[in-house]
C-alpha atoms as a PDB file:
ATOM      1  CA  MET A   1      92.751  72.178 163.264  1.00  0.00           C
ATOM      2  CA  ARG A   2      93.750  69.369 160.914  1.00  0.00           C
ATOM      3  CA  LEU A   3      92.853  65.733 161.454  1.00  0.00           C
ATOM      4  CA  SER A   4      93.580  62.547 159.513  1.00  0.00           C
ATOM      5  CA  LEU A   5      90.602  60.236 158.982  1.00  0.00           C
ATOM      6  CA  GLY A   6      91.577  56.727 157.986  1.00  0.00           C
ATOM      7  CA  PHE A   7      89.648  54.151 155.976  1.00  0.00           C
ATOM      8  CA  GLU A   8      90.147  50.757 154.351  1.00  0.00           C
ATOM      9  CA  PRO A   9      91.050  51.418 150.684  1.00  0.00           C
ATOM     10  CA  PRO A  10      90.060  51.747 147.942  1.00  0.00           C
ATOM     11  CA  TYR A  11      88.084  54.983 147.982  1.00  0.00           C
ATOM     12  CA  ASP A  12      86.486  56.522 144.894  1.00  0.00           C
ATOM     13  CA  TRP A  13      86.924  60.176 145.843  1.00  0.00           C
ATOM     14  CA  PRO A  14      86.014  61.558 142.381  1.00  0.00           C
ATOM     15  CA  ALA A  15      82.634  59.803 142.549  1.00  0.00           C
ATOM     16  CA  MET A  16      81.961  61.074 146.066  1.00  0.00           C
ATOM     17  CA  LEU A  17      82.985  64.596 145.117  1.00  0.00           C
ATOM     18  CA  GLY A  18      80.884  64.496 141.952  1.00  0.00           C
ATOM     19  CA  PHE A  19      77.803  63.442 143.909  1.00  0.00           C
ATOM     20  CA  LEU A  20      78.248  66.225 146.473  1.00  0.00           C
ATOM     21  CA  SER A  21      79.124  68.822 143.843  1.00  0.00           C
ATOM     22  CA  ALA A  22      75.919  68.172 141.892  1.00  0.00           C
ATOM     23  CA  ARG A  23      73.918  68.801 145.077  1.00  0.00           C
ATOM     24  CA  ALA A  24      75.918  71.646 146.627  1.00  0.00           C
ATOM     25  CA  ILE A  25      73.787  74.483 148.002  1.00  0.00           C
ATOM     26  CA  VAL A  26      75.210  77.938 147.309  1.00  0.00           C
ATOM     27  CA  GLY A  27      76.292  79.561 150.564  1.00  0.00           C
ATOM     28  CA  LEU A  28      76.342  76.250 152.443  1.00  0.00           C
ATOM     29  CA  GLU A  29      78.812  74.147 150.432  1.00  0.00           C
ATOM     30  CA  THR A  30      81.579  74.477 147.886  1.00  0.00           C
ATOM     31  CA  VAL A  31      83.524  71.995 145.796  1.00  0.00           C
ATOM     32  CA  ALA A  32      86.751  73.285 144.272  1.00  0.00           C
ATOM     33  CA  ASP A  33      90.109  71.770 143.330  1.00  0.00           C
ATOM     34  CA  GLY A  34      89.217  68.378 144.746  1.00  0.00           C
ATOM     35  CA  VAL A  35      88.164  69.783 148.121  1.00  0.00           C
ATOM     36  CA  TYR A  36      84.697  69.698 149.686  1.00  0.00           C
ATOM     37  CA  SER A  37      83.903  72.501 152.150  1.00  0.00           C
ATOM     38  CA  ARG A  38      80.777  73.417 154.087  1.00  0.00           C
ATOM     39  CA  SER A  39      79.434  75.367 157.032  1.00  0.00           C
ATOM     40  CA  ILE A  40      78.354  73.393 160.091  1.00  0.00           C
ATOM     41  CA  SER A  41      76.195  74.010 163.142  1.00  0.00           C
ATOM     42  CA  LEU A  42      76.319  71.975 166.336  1.00  0.00           C
ATOM     43  CA  SER A  43      74.686  72.785 169.681  1.00  0.00           C
ATOM     44  CA  GLY A  44      74.275  76.416 168.682  1.00  0.00           C
ATOM     45  CA  ALA A  45      77.901  76.927 167.621  1.00  0.00           C
ATOM     46  CA  HIS A  46      78.865  77.590 164.005  1.00  0.00           C
ATOM     47  CA  GLY A  47      81.961  76.801 161.984  1.00  0.00           C
ATOM     48  CA  THR A  48      83.313  75.310 158.774  1.00  0.00           C
ATOM     49  CA  LEU A  49      85.085  72.210 157.611  1.00  0.00           C
ATOM     50  CA  SER A  50      86.986  71.120 154.519  1.00  0.00           C
ATOM     51  CA  ILE A  51      87.960  67.602 153.501  1.00  0.00           C
ATOM     52  CA  GLN A  52      90.215  66.213 150.808  1.00  0.00           C
ATOM     53  CA  PRO A  53      92.313  63.132 150.042  1.00  0.00           C
ATOM     54  CA  ALA A  54      95.568  62.865 151.975  1.00  0.00           C
ATOM     55  CA  THR A  55      97.035  59.389 151.460  1.00  0.00           C
ATOM     56  CA  ALA A  56      95.871  56.132 149.899  1.00  0.00           C
ATOM     57  CA  ASP A  57      94.072  55.274 153.135  1.00  0.00           C
ATOM     58  CA  SER A  58      93.118  58.617 154.680  1.00  0.00           C
ATOM     59  CA  LEU A  59      91.333  61.914 154.154  1.00  0.00           C
ATOM     60  CA  GLU A  60      92.446  65.195 155.689  1.00  0.00           C
ATOM     61  CA  LEU A  61      89.825  67.136 157.633  1.00  0.00           C
ATOM     62  CA  THR A  62      90.451  70.848 158.232  1.00  0.00           C
ATOM     63  CA  LEU A  63      88.156  72.150 160.947  1.00  0.00           C
ATOM     64  CA  ASP A  64      87.388  75.683 162.086  1.00  0.00           C
ATOM     65  CA  PHE A  65      85.039  75.397 165.055  1.00  0.00           C
ATOM     66  CA  PRO A  66      84.901  77.378 168.309  1.00  0.00           C
ATOM     67  CA  ASP A  67      84.158  74.467 170.672  1.00  0.00           C
ATOM     68  CA  PRO A  68      86.981  71.900 170.940  1.00  0.00           C
ATOM     69  CA  THR A  69      84.778  69.542 172.985  1.00  0.00           C
ATOM     70  CA  ALA A  70      82.617  69.067 169.859  1.00  0.00           C
ATOM     71  CA  VAL A  71      85.450  67.556 167.814  1.00  0.00           C
ATOM     72  CA  PRO A  72      84.599  63.879 168.539  1.00  0.00           C
ATOM     73  CA  GLU A  73      80.978  64.416 167.437  1.00  0.00           C
ATOM     74  CA  ILE A  74      82.103  66.309 164.337  1.00  0.00           C
ATOM     75  CA  VAL A  75      84.541  63.529 163.398  1.00  0.00           C
ATOM     76  CA  ALA A  76      81.836  60.884 163.892  1.00  0.00           C
ATOM     77  CA  ARG A  77      79.474  62.807 161.623  1.00  0.00           C
ATOM     78  CA  VAL A  78      82.127  63.301 158.954  1.00  0.00           C
ATOM     79  CA  ARG A  79      83.035  59.616 159.023  1.00  0.00           C
ATOM     80  CA  ARG A  80      79.368  58.727 158.433  1.00  0.00           C
ATOM     81  CA  MET A  81      78.998  61.434 155.796  1.00  0.00           C
ATOM     82  CA  PHE A  82      81.904  60.062 153.764  1.00  0.00           C
ATOM     83  CA  ASP A  83      81.184  56.401 154.568  1.00  0.00           C
ATOM     84  CA  LEU A  84      84.675  55.841 155.930  1.00  0.00           C
ATOM     85  CA  ASP A  85      83.807  52.760 157.981  1.00  0.00           C
ATOM     86  CA  ALA A  86      82.232  50.727 155.174  1.00  0.00           C
ATOM     87  CA  GLU A  87      83.440  47.129 154.961  1.00  0.00           C
ATOM     88  CA  LEU A  88      83.523  47.155 151.178  1.00  0.00           C
ATOM     89  CA  ALA A  89      85.160  43.744 150.805  1.00  0.00           C
ATOM     90  CA  THR A  90      82.286  42.067 152.651  1.00  0.00           C
ATOM     91  CA  ILE A  91      79.656  44.099 150.823  1.00  0.00           C
ATOM     92  CA  HIS A  92      81.172  43.438 147.421  1.00  0.00           C
ATOM     93  CA  ARG A  93      81.501  39.699 147.976  1.00  0.00           C
ATOM     94  CA  HIS A  94      77.763  39.542 148.566  1.00  0.00           C
ATOM     95  CA  LEU A  95      76.734  41.814 145.694  1.00  0.00           C
ATOM     96  CA  ALA A  96      79.140  40.309 143.159  1.00  0.00           C
ATOM     97  CA  VAL A  97      77.017  37.162 143.023  1.00  0.00           C
ATOM     98  CA  ASP A  98      74.923  39.225 140.591  1.00  0.00           C
ATOM     99  CA  PRO A  99      77.033  39.410 137.387  1.00  0.00           C
ATOM    100  CA  LEU A 100      75.811  42.902 136.569  1.00  0.00           C
ATOM    101  CA  LEU A 101      76.840  44.272 139.952  1.00  0.00           C
ATOM    102  CA  ALA A 102      80.118  42.362 139.751  1.00  0.00           C
ATOM    103  CA  ARG A 103      80.919  44.310 136.573  1.00  0.00           C
ATOM    104  CA  LEU A 104      79.973  47.644 138.166  1.00  0.00           C
ATOM    105  CA  ILE A 105      82.094  46.863 141.232  1.00  0.00           C
ATOM    106  CA  ASP A 106      85.076  46.079 139.007  1.00  0.00           C
ATOM    107  CA  GLU A 107      84.618  49.473 137.339  1.00  0.00           C
ATOM    108  CA  ARG A 108      84.251  51.432 140.621  1.00  0.00           C
ATOM    109  CA  PRO A 109      85.781  49.296 143.400  1.00  0.00           C
ATOM    110  CA  GLY A 110      85.983  52.170 145.894  1.00  0.00           C
ATOM    111  CA  LEU A 111      82.471  53.517 145.467  1.00  0.00           C
ATOM    112  CA  ARG A 112      80.841  54.541 148.772  1.00  0.00           C
ATOM    113  CA  VAL A 113      77.333  55.661 149.758  1.00  0.00           C
ATOM    114  CA  PRO A 114      77.383  59.422 150.430  1.00  0.00           C
ATOM    115  CA  GLY A 115      75.941  60.336 153.796  1.00  0.00           C
ATOM    116  CA  THR A 116      75.001  63.746 155.124  1.00  0.00           C
ATOM    117  CA  TRP A 117      76.051  66.168 157.836  1.00  0.00           C
ATOM    118  CA  ASP A 118      72.599  66.546 159.373  1.00  0.00           C
ATOM    119  CA  GLY A 119      69.331  64.611 159.284  1.00  0.00           C
ATOM    120  CA  LEU A 120      67.002  67.599 159.086  1.00  0.00           C
ATOM    121  CA  GLU A 121      69.026  69.070 156.238  1.00  0.00           C
ATOM    122  CA  LEU A 122      68.794  65.823 154.272  1.00  0.00           C
ATOM    123  CA  ALA A 123      65.071  65.425 154.953  1.00  0.00           C
ATOM    124  CA  ILE A 124      64.430  68.976 153.748  1.00  0.00           C
ATOM    125  CA  ARG A 125      66.506  68.305 150.625  1.00  0.00           C
ATOM    126  CA  ALA A 126      64.619  65.068 149.960  1.00  0.00           C
ATOM    127  CA  VAL A 127      61.201  66.682 150.310  1.00  0.00           C
ATOM    128  CA  LEU A 128      62.235  69.623 148.139  1.00  0.00           C
ATOM    129  CA  GLY A 129      63.320  67.121 145.495  1.00  0.00           C
ATOM    130  CA  GLN A 130      59.956  65.386 145.272  1.00  0.00           C
ATOM    131  CA  GLN A 131      58.783  65.455 141.643  1.00  0.00           C
ATOM    132  CA  ILE A 132      61.330  68.049 140.488  1.00  0.00           C
ATOM    133  CA  THR A 133      64.887  67.858 139.192  1.00  0.00           C
ATOM    134  CA  VAL A 134      67.968  67.876 141.403  1.00  0.00           C
ATOM    135  CA  GLY A 135      68.920  71.281 140.019  1.00  0.00           C
ATOM    136  CA  ALA A 136      65.522  72.812 140.768  1.00  0.00           C
ATOM    137  CA  ALA A 137      65.571  71.370 144.285  1.00  0.00           C
ATOM    138  CA  ILE A 138      69.024  72.821 144.958  1.00  0.00           C
ATOM    139  CA  LYS A 139      67.863  76.265 143.834  1.00  0.00           C
ATOM    140  CA  LEU A 140      64.922  76.068 146.248  1.00  0.00           C
ATOM    141  CA  ALA A 141      67.262  74.942 149.007  1.00  0.00           C
ATOM    142  CA  GLY A 142      69.470  77.952 148.295  1.00  0.00           C
ATOM    143  CA  LYS A 143      66.487  80.278 148.715  1.00  0.00           C
ATOM    144  CA  LEU A 144      65.587  78.565 151.985  1.00  0.00           C
ATOM    145  CA  LEU A 145      69.167  78.924 153.235  1.00  0.00           C
ATOM    146  CA  ALA A 146      69.404  82.606 152.350  1.00  0.00           C
ATOM    147  CA  GLN A 147      66.079  83.477 153.984  1.00  0.00           C
ATOM    148  CA  TYR A 148      66.116  81.272 157.083  1.00  0.00           C
ATOM    149  CA  GLY A 149      69.719  80.207 157.673  1.00  0.00           C
ATOM    150  CA  ALA A 150      71.857  82.018 160.242  1.00  0.00           C
ATOM    151  CA  PRO A 151      74.749  83.954 158.677  1.00  0.00           C
ATOM    152  CA  LEU A 152      78.265  82.907 159.577  1.00  0.00           C
ATOM    153  CA  ALA A 153      80.068  85.468 161.708  1.00  0.00           C
ATOM    154  CA  SER A 154      83.104  85.118 159.436  1.00  0.00           C
ATOM    155  CA  PRO A 155      82.045  84.069 155.923  1.00  0.00           C
ATOM    156  CA  ARG A 156      84.812  82.521 153.831  1.00  0.00           C
ATOM    157  CA  ASP A 157      85.328  81.102 150.386  1.00  0.00           C
ATOM    158  CA  GLY A 158      81.664  81.146 149.430  1.00  0.00           C
ATOM    159  CA  LEU A 159      80.377  79.795 152.763  1.00  0.00           C
ATOM    160  CA  THR A 160      77.971  82.376 154.141  1.00  0.00           C
ATOM    161  CA  HIS A 161      75.220  80.659 156.184  1.00  0.00           C
ATOM    162  CA  VAL A 162      74.499  77.572 158.251  1.00  0.00           C
ATOM    163  CA  PHE A 163      71.443  75.462 157.504  1.00  0.00           C
ATOM    164  CA  PRO A 164      68.267  76.696 159.246  1.00  0.00           C
ATOM    165  CA  GLU A 165      67.389  75.288 162.659  1.00  0.00           C
ATOM    166  CA  ALA A 166      64.296  73.130 163.181  1.00  0.00           C
ATOM    167  CA  ALA A 167      62.696  75.748 165.440  1.00  0.00           C
ATOM    168  CA  VAL A 168      62.889  78.316 162.629  1.00  0.00           C
ATOM    169  CA  LEU A 169      61.542  76.053 159.891  1.00  0.00           C
ATOM    170  CA  ALA A 170      58.721  74.674 162.039  1.00  0.00           C
ATOM    171  CA  VAL A 171      56.970  78.054 162.114  1.00  0.00           C
ATOM    172  CA  ALA A 172      57.995  79.403 158.698  1.00  0.00           C
ATOM    173  CA  ASP A 173      55.627  79.812 155.745  1.00  0.00           C
ATOM    174  CA  LEU A 174      57.911  78.000 153.328  1.00  0.00           C
ATOM    175  CA  ALA A 175      55.449  78.116 150.436  1.00  0.00           C
ATOM    176  CA  THR A 176      56.563  81.720 149.916  1.00  0.00           C
ATOM    177  CA  LEU A 177      59.819  80.335 148.505  1.00  0.00           C
ATOM    178  CA  GLY A 178      57.937  79.098 145.430  1.00  0.00           C
ATOM    179  CA  MET A 179      56.634  75.612 146.122  1.00  0.00           C
ATOM    180  CA  PRO A 180      53.195  74.043 146.629  1.00  0.00           C
ATOM    181  CA  LYS A 181      51.662  74.897 150.005  1.00  0.00           C
ATOM    182  CA  SER A 182      51.341  71.203 150.784  1.00  0.00           C
ATOM    183  CA  ARG A 183      55.094  70.757 150.378  1.00  0.00           C
ATOM    184  CA  GLY A 184      55.785  73.756 152.561  1.00  0.00           C
ATOM    185  CA  ARG A 185      53.581  72.222 155.262  1.00  0.00           C
ATOM    186  CA  THR A 186      55.470  68.931 154.949  1.00  0.00           C
ATOM    187  CA  LEU A 187      58.778  70.716 155.454  1.00  0.00           C
ATOM    188  CA  SER A 188      57.546  72.551 158.523  1.00  0.00           C
ATOM    189  CA  GLY A 189      55.996  69.327 159.798  1.00  0.00           C
ATOM    190  CA  VAL A 190      59.298  67.478 159.513  1.00  0.00           C
ATOM    191  CA  ALA A 191      61.024  70.256 161.452  1.00  0.00           C
ATOM    192  CA  GLN A 192      58.344  70.102 164.158  1.00  0.00           C
ATOM    193  CA  ALA A 193      58.659  66.311 164.313  1.00  0.00           C
ATOM    194  CA  LEU A 194      62.368  66.696 165.050  1.00  0.00           C
ATOM    195  CA  LEU A 195      61.583  69.152 167.841  1.00  0.00           C
ATOM    196  CA  ASP A 196      59.124  66.620 169.270  1.00  0.00           C
ATOM    197  CA  ASP A 197      61.569  63.723 168.878  1.00  0.00           C
ATOM    198  CA  PRO A 198      65.213  64.893 168.874  1.00  0.00           C
ATOM    199  CA  LEU A 199      66.340  61.344 167.981  1.00  0.00           C
ATOM    200  CA  LEU A 200      64.176  61.205 164.841  1.00  0.00           C
ATOM    201  CA  PHE A 201      67.211  61.067 162.548  1.00  0.00           C
ATOM    202  CA  GLU A 202      69.544  59.177 164.878  1.00  0.00           C
ATOM    203  CA  PRO A 203      71.662  56.713 162.827  1.00  0.00           C
ATOM    204  CA  GLY A 204      71.018  53.072 163.614  1.00  0.00           C
ATOM    205  CA  ARG A 205      67.913  53.686 165.721  1.00  0.00           C
ATOM    206  CA  GLU A 206      65.433  50.827 165.410  1.00  0.00           C
ATOM    207  CA  GLY A 207      62.194  51.598 163.602  1.00  0.00           C
ATOM    208  CA  GLY A 208      63.543  54.713 161.919  1.00  0.00           C
ATOM    209  CA  VAL A 209      61.779  54.186 158.586  1.00  0.00           C
ATOM    210  CA  ALA A 210      58.422  53.575 160.281  1.00  0.00           C
ATOM    211  CA  ARG A 211      58.740  56.856 162.173  1.00  0.00           C
ATOM    212  CA  LEU A 212      59.509  58.699 158.962  1.00  0.00           C
ATOM    213  CA  LEU A 213      56.572  57.125 157.125  1.00  0.00           C
ATOM    214  CA  ALA A 214      54.259  58.327 159.885  1.00  0.00           C
ATOM    215  CA  LEU A 215      55.054  61.947 158.979  1.00  0.00           C
ATOM    216  CA  HIS A 216      52.694  63.828 156.661  1.00  0.00           C
ATOM    217  CA  GLY A 217      54.034  64.004 153.107  1.00  0.00           C
ATOM    218  CA  ILE A 218      56.793  61.428 153.616  1.00  0.00           C
ATOM    219  CA  GLY A 219      56.325  58.424 151.336  1.00  0.00           C
ATOM    220  CA  ASP A 220      58.360  55.273 150.916  1.00  0.00           C
ATOM    221  CA  TRP A 221      60.897  56.758 148.478  1.00  0.00           C
ATOM    222  CA  THR A 222      61.692  59.697 150.760  1.00  0.00           C
ATOM    223  CA  ALA A 223      61.841  57.531 153.882  1.00  0.00           C
ATOM    224  CA  GLN A 224      64.171  55.003 152.231  1.00  0.00           C
ATOM    225  CA  TYR A 225      66.403  57.761 150.851  1.00  0.00           C
ATOM    226  CA  ILE A 226      66.749  59.292 154.319  1.00  0.00           C
ATOM    227  CA  ALA A 227      67.344  55.834 155.796  1.00  0.00           C
ATOM    228  CA  LEU A 228      70.176  55.208 153.360  1.00  0.00           C
ATOM    229  CA  ARG A 229      71.993  58.520 153.620  1.00  0.00           C
ATOM    230  CA  GLN A 230      71.269  59.618 157.206  1.00  0.00           C
ATOM    231  CA  LEU A 231      70.168  56.606 159.248  1.00  0.00           C
ATOM    232  CA  ARG A 232      72.962  54.695 157.463  1.00  0.00           C
ATOM    233  CA  ASP A 233      70.763  51.710 156.742  1.00  0.00           C
ATOM    234  CA  MET A 234      72.878  49.698 154.298  1.00  0.00           C
ATOM    235  CA  ASP A 235      69.706  48.059 152.995  1.00  0.00           C
ATOM    236  CA  GLY A 236      67.901  51.350 152.359  1.00  0.00           C
ATOM    237  CA  PHE A 237      66.472  51.195 148.848  1.00  0.00           C
ATOM    238  CA  PRO A 238      64.347  53.979 147.310  1.00  0.00           C
ATOM    239  CA  ASN A 239      61.855  51.754 145.519  1.00  0.00           C
ATOM    240  CA  GLY A 240      60.429  53.207 142.330  1.00  0.00           C
ATOM    241  CA  ASP A 241      63.356  55.602 141.869  1.00  0.00           C
ATOM    242  CA  VAL A 242      63.402  56.602 138.212  1.00  0.00           C
ATOM    243  CA  GLY A 243      67.185  56.786 138.157  1.00  0.00           C
ATOM    244  CA  LEU A 244      67.536  53.208 139.401  1.00  0.00           C
ATOM    245  CA  ILE A 245      64.981  51.937 136.902  1.00  0.00           C
ATOM    246  CA  ASN A 246      66.630  53.791 134.021  1.00  0.00           C
ATOM    247  CA  ALA A 247      70.095  52.611 135.014  1.00  0.00           C
ATOM    248  CA  LEU A 248      69.093  48.962 135.173  1.00  0.00           C
ATOM    249  CA  ALA A 249      67.201  49.232 131.892  1.00  0.00           C
ATOM    250  CA  ALA A 250      70.172  50.855 130.137  1.00  0.00           C
ATOM    251  CA  LEU A 251      72.648  48.330 131.507  1.00  0.00           C
ATOM    252  CA  GLU A 252      70.530  45.343 130.535  1.00  0.00           C
ATOM    253  CA  GLY A 253      69.287  46.753 127.239  1.00  0.00           C
ATOM    254  CA  GLY A 254      65.566  46.460 127.818  1.00  0.00           C
ATOM    255  CA  PRO A 255      62.623  47.912 129.703  1.00  0.00           C
ATOM    256  CA  VAL A 256      62.435  47.414 133.478  1.00  0.00           C
ATOM    257  CA  THR A 257      59.482  48.052 135.758  1.00  0.00           C
ATOM    258  CA  ALA A 258      59.634  49.193 139.383  1.00  0.00           C
ATOM    259  CA  LYS A 259      58.246  45.798 140.397  1.00  0.00           C
ATOM    260  CA  GLN A 260      60.962  43.971 138.479  1.00  0.00           C
ATOM    261  CA  LEU A 261      63.670  46.150 140.042  1.00  0.00           C
ATOM    262  CA  LEU A 262      62.359  45.478 143.542  1.00  0.00           C
ATOM    263  CA  ALA A 263      62.246  41.740 142.888  1.00  0.00           C
ATOM    264  CA  ARG A 264      65.797  41.768 141.507  1.00  0.00           C
ATOM    265  CA  ALA A 265      66.983  43.719 144.553  1.00  0.00           C
ATOM    266  CA  GLU A 266      65.844  41.012 146.981  1.00  0.00           C
ATOM    267  CA  ALA A 267      69.049  39.106 146.229  1.00  0.00           C
ATOM    268  CA  TRP A 268      71.079  42.206 147.126  1.00  0.00           C
ATOM    269  CA  ARG A 269      69.878  42.328 150.745  1.00  0.00           C
ATOM    270  CA  PRO A 270      71.211  43.414 153.222  1.00  0.00           C
ATOM    271  CA  TYR A 271      73.271  45.785 151.036  1.00  0.00           C
ATOM    272  CA  ARG A 272      70.687  47.121 148.619  1.00  0.00           C
ATOM    273  CA  GLY A 273      71.867  50.675 149.327  1.00  0.00           C
ATOM    274  CA  TYR A 274      75.306  49.951 147.889  1.00  0.00           C
ATOM    275  CA  ALA A 275      73.719  48.305 144.868  1.00  0.00           C
ATOM    276  CA  ALA A 276      71.632  51.451 144.401  1.00  0.00           C
ATOM    277  CA  GLN A 277      74.754  53.624 144.521  1.00  0.00           C
ATOM    278  CA  LEU A 278      76.436  51.462 141.892  1.00  0.00           C
ATOM    279  CA  LEU A 279      73.393  51.799 139.616  1.00  0.00           C
ATOM    280  CA  TRP A 280      73.042  55.561 140.155  1.00  0.00           C
ATOM    281  CA  THR A 281      76.727  56.101 139.409  1.00  0.00           C
ATOM    282  CA  SER A 282      76.481  54.017 136.221  1.00  0.00           C
ATOM    283  CA  LEU A 283      74.064  56.587 134.781  1.00  0.00           C
ATOM    284  CA  SER A 284      76.958  58.919 134.017  1.00  0.00           C
ATOM    285  CA  ARG A 285      78.265  56.281 131.603  1.00  0.00           C
ATOM    286  CA  VAL A 286      75.067  54.964 130.041  1.00  0.00           C
ATOM    287  CA  ASP A 287      73.035  58.158 129.476  1.00  0.00           C
END
């Protein structure tokens, strides 16, 4: 099945694809020839999707899924994942009051905030990434997928498994994958929390960050990161993020503290998440 997903241009597809490619888990996702593909699981059914640019104001979604009644939910998730409903003109007018952000917007006018297919998957990724590099976290995630993910009935083009279910991870001894026991307990605890509250990662739900902070091992950075990419909180801002601090310091040519970054970001509300994405993306040019 092929579907056209429209958006208000511009759209910086290379930046979106680069972000997803750097974080692609082997067996779960592939990025090749300008196309992003992944396995998906919904209500116990498994399938795959691929997405790529189609026209100046649309992406083409190719879907292989056994349950046609799930298509509206899949489309809604994909639209959030690729930030297709962002009102960039409104966001940019607000952020461009800051001259630095105005310059970054001029350089990447179609930059979006990458979302995610599934809240548990993102939370697991975020916890795995605590205090280690993106590359190391992705390798750990690949081990977790291979050991606990369900295999696709018909693997294709490098997609072999779907991400593990919460019920599986909640009882697994994840420390055996090569991480501190405390982190393994946090991962299992997050999975159990989702079983206890199936709306834990529901986008737009009030009080989402507070619920995340109440979980063992989830600090402010992790909660804000999940809020930005899964809860779709446009003001989500991972305070203390080293990448944000380094980007601002490089762009302004001097040292910046976490406190100074947070103070500067007050003027960016309620779109601090888009400011963060602009700063993160700038790292590829200033490093």
